[in-house]
Amino acid sequence: MITLNSGIENQAYSFEDIENILSRFDFMVGGNWEYDHAYFDHKLEQTDEAYAFIRIPVTTEIGTIGEKNAHVRVGKPFVLVHKYEAGIDHQGDSGNIQATFNQFQAPEDPDAEVDDQYVKQAEEVMLKVERALLQ
């Protein structure tokens, strides 16, 4: 994981506004959100072995994630790489019904080394995000 310096860090927004703006840059709320915090993820690259993404954390100050009038404060953005185990998922012990709903194997290394190319790409994306959010 590599943290990114950003002008949006510690800024407050309505959740609806930040979600609408970030979606223009292909950020989506990741599946690991809770009512008091969430992460906006932007995929930089995906291969069969790994994927790299920018993650922008937000925490609620008013309301909860999912409420129309929720307000959030932005945390420190970072770049993260998840590396996947090649071949069979040895953790998988589910049957066909569960596999229908959970098709993704667990990361072999959820905090793999971040290549400089991803940091450069992330910084370029974050400049666009900052221009949109700080105008």
Protein backbone atom coordinates (compact mmCIF):
# COMPACT_ATOMS: atom_id res chain seq x y z
CA MET A 1 0.00 0.00 0.00
CA ILE A 2 1.25 3.48 -0.93
CA THR A 3 -0.50 6.55 0.47
CA LEU A 4 -1.11 9.55 -1.78
CA ASN A 5 -0.98 13.20 -0.78
CA SER A 6 -4.19 14.86 -1.87
CA GLY A 7 -6.01 18.13 -1.43
CA ILE A 8 -9.28 16.27 -0.88
CA GLU A 9 -8.01 14.63 2.30
CA ASN A 10 -9.97 15.85 5.32
CA GLN A 11 -12.58 17.62 3.14
CA ALA A 12 -16.28 17.10 3.90
CA TYR A 13 -18.99 16.41 1.31
CA SER A 14 -22.48 15.05 1.12
CA PHE A 15 -22.18 11.36 0.32
CA GLU A 16 -24.47 11.80 -2.68
CA ASP A 17 -22.32 14.61 -4.13
CA ILE A 18 -18.99 12.84 -3.72
CA GLU A 19 -20.42 9.59 -5.08
CA ASN A 20 -21.78 11.38 -8.18
CA ILE A 21 -18.50 13.18 -8.84
CA LEU A 22 -16.25 10.18 -8.23
CA SER A 23 -18.40 7.98 -10.47
CA ARG A 24 -17.39 10.22 -13.39
CA PHE A 25 -13.84 8.95 -12.84
CA ASP A 26 -14.93 5.30 -12.57
CA PHE A 27 -14.81 5.13 -8.78
CA MET A 28 -17.33 2.82 -7.17
CA VAL A 29 -18.17 2.12 -3.55
CA GLY A 30 -16.45 -1.14 -2.72
CA GLY A 31 -18.35 -4.03 -1.20
CA ASN A 32 -16.67 -3.59 2.18
CA TRP A 33 -18.66 -0.51 3.26
CA GLU A 34 -20.27 -0.19 6.65
CA TYR A 35 -22.81 2.34 7.89
CA ASP A 36 -20.07 4.59 9.31
CA HIS A 37 -17.44 4.31 6.55
CA ALA A 38 -16.88 3.29 2.95
CA TYR A 39 -14.17 3.12 0.30
CA PHE A 40 -14.37 4.45 -3.23
CA ASP A 41 -12.30 2.20 -5.50
CA HIS A 42 -10.91 2.90 -8.97
CA LYS A 43 -9.34 -0.06 -10.78
CA LEU A 44 -5.99 0.80 -12.38
CA GLU A 45 -5.24 -2.63 -13.85
CA GLN A 46 -6.36 -6.23 -13.53
CA THR A 47 -4.59 -9.40 -14.62
CA ASP A 48 -5.15 -13.08 -13.86
CA GLU A 49 -2.74 -12.80 -10.93
CA ALA A 50 -3.47 -9.38 -9.41
CA TYR A 51 -5.30 -6.11 -9.57
CA ALA A 52 -4.24 -2.60 -8.64
CA PHE A 53 -6.59 0.15 -7.54
CA ILE A 54 -6.87 3.55 -5.92
CA ARG A 55 -8.91 3.60 -2.73
CA ILE A 56 -10.41 6.76 -1.23
CA PRO A 57 -11.72 6.18 2.31
CA VAL A 58 -14.62 8.20 3.71
CA THR A 59 -16.17 8.23 7.20
CA THR A 60 -19.58 9.55 8.08
CA GLU A 61 -20.02 12.73 10.08
CA ILE A 62 -23.77 13.09 9.66
CA GLY A 63 -26.08 10.12 9.13
CA THR A 64 -25.00 6.77 7.79
CA ILE A 65 -23.84 5.46 4.42
CA GLY A 66 -26.92 4.79 2.33
CA GLU A 67 -29.02 7.61 3.79
CA LYS A 68 -29.95 10.41 1.42
CA ASN A 69 -28.55 13.23 3.60
CA ALA A 70 -25.37 11.52 4.85
CA HIS A 71 -22.22 13.65 5.00
CA VAL A 72 -18.72 12.20 4.93
CA ARG A 73 -15.13 13.28 5.52
CA VAL A 74 -12.42 12.05 3.14
CA GLY A 75 -9.43 10.12 4.49
CA LYS A 76 -5.99 9.68 2.93
CA PRO A 77 -6.21 8.07 -0.53
CA PHE A 78 -3.89 5.14 -1.31
CA VAL A 79 -2.87 2.67 -4.00
CA LEU A 80 -3.26 -1.01 -3.24
CA VAL A 81 -2.44 -4.24 -5.07
CA HIS A 82 -4.17 -7.56 -4.36
CA LYS A 83 -2.26 -10.61 -5.64
CA TYR A 84 -4.23 -13.80 -6.24
CA GLU A 85 -3.17 -17.38 -5.83
CA ALA A 86 -2.66 -19.06 -9.19
CA GLY A 87 -4.83 -22.09 -9.85
CA ILE A 88 -7.22 -23.64 -7.35
CA ASP A 89 -8.48 -21.72 -4.33
CA HIS A 90 -7.31 -23.95 -1.50
CA GLN A 91 -9.50 -22.05 0.98
CA GLY A 92 -12.59 -22.93 -1.03
CA ASP A 93 -14.60 -25.66 0.61
CA SER A 94 -18.03 -24.67 -0.62
CA GLY A 95 -20.51 -26.50 -2.75
CA ASN A 96 -22.10 -25.46 -6.03
CA ILE A 97 -24.83 -23.32 -4.47
CA GLN A 98 -22.43 -21.19 -2.43
CA ALA A 99 -20.01 -20.96 -5.36
CA THR A 100 -22.78 -19.38 -7.43
CA PHE A 101 -22.80 -16.41 -5.07
CA ASN A 102 -19.12 -16.30 -4.09
CA GLN A 103 -17.10 -16.75 -7.26
CA PHE A 104 -13.97 -14.89 -6.21
CA GLN A 105 -11.02 -16.43 -4.44
CA ALA A 106 -9.36 -14.79 -1.46
CA PRO A 107 -6.23 -12.75 -2.17
CA GLU A 108 -2.94 -14.58 -1.65
CA ASP A 109 -1.42 -11.22 -0.72
CA PRO A 110 -3.97 -8.44 -0.03
CA ASP A 111 -1.18 -5.86 0.34
CA ALA A 112 1.28 -6.79 -2.41
CA GLU A 113 4.14 -4.55 -3.53
CA VAL A 114 2.93 -1.52 -5.50
CA ASP A 115 4.78 -0.87 -8.75
CA ASP A 116 5.80 2.74 -9.47
CA GLN A 117 3.69 2.73 -12.65
CA TYR A 118 0.54 2.36 -10.51
CA VAL A 119 1.56 5.25 -8.27
CA LYS A 120 2.09 7.46 -11.33
CA GLN A 121 -1.29 6.44 -12.80
CA ALA A 122 -2.99 7.03 -9.45
CA GLU A 123 -1.48 10.50 -9.09
CA GLU A 124 -2.78 11.43 -12.56
CA VAL A 125 -6.29 10.22 -11.71
CA MET A 126 -6.22 12.00 -8.35
CA LEU A 127 -5.32 15.31 -10.03
CA LYS A 128 -8.52 15.06 -12.07
CA VAL A 129 -10.52 14.11 -8.98
CA GLU A 130 -9.09 17.06 -7.04
CA ARG A 131 -9.97 19.50 -9.83
CA ALA A 132 -13.57 18.24 -9.79
CA LEU A 133 -13.99 18.18 -6.00
CA LEU A 134 -12.07 21.33 -5.06
CA GLN A 135 -13.48 23.79 -7.60
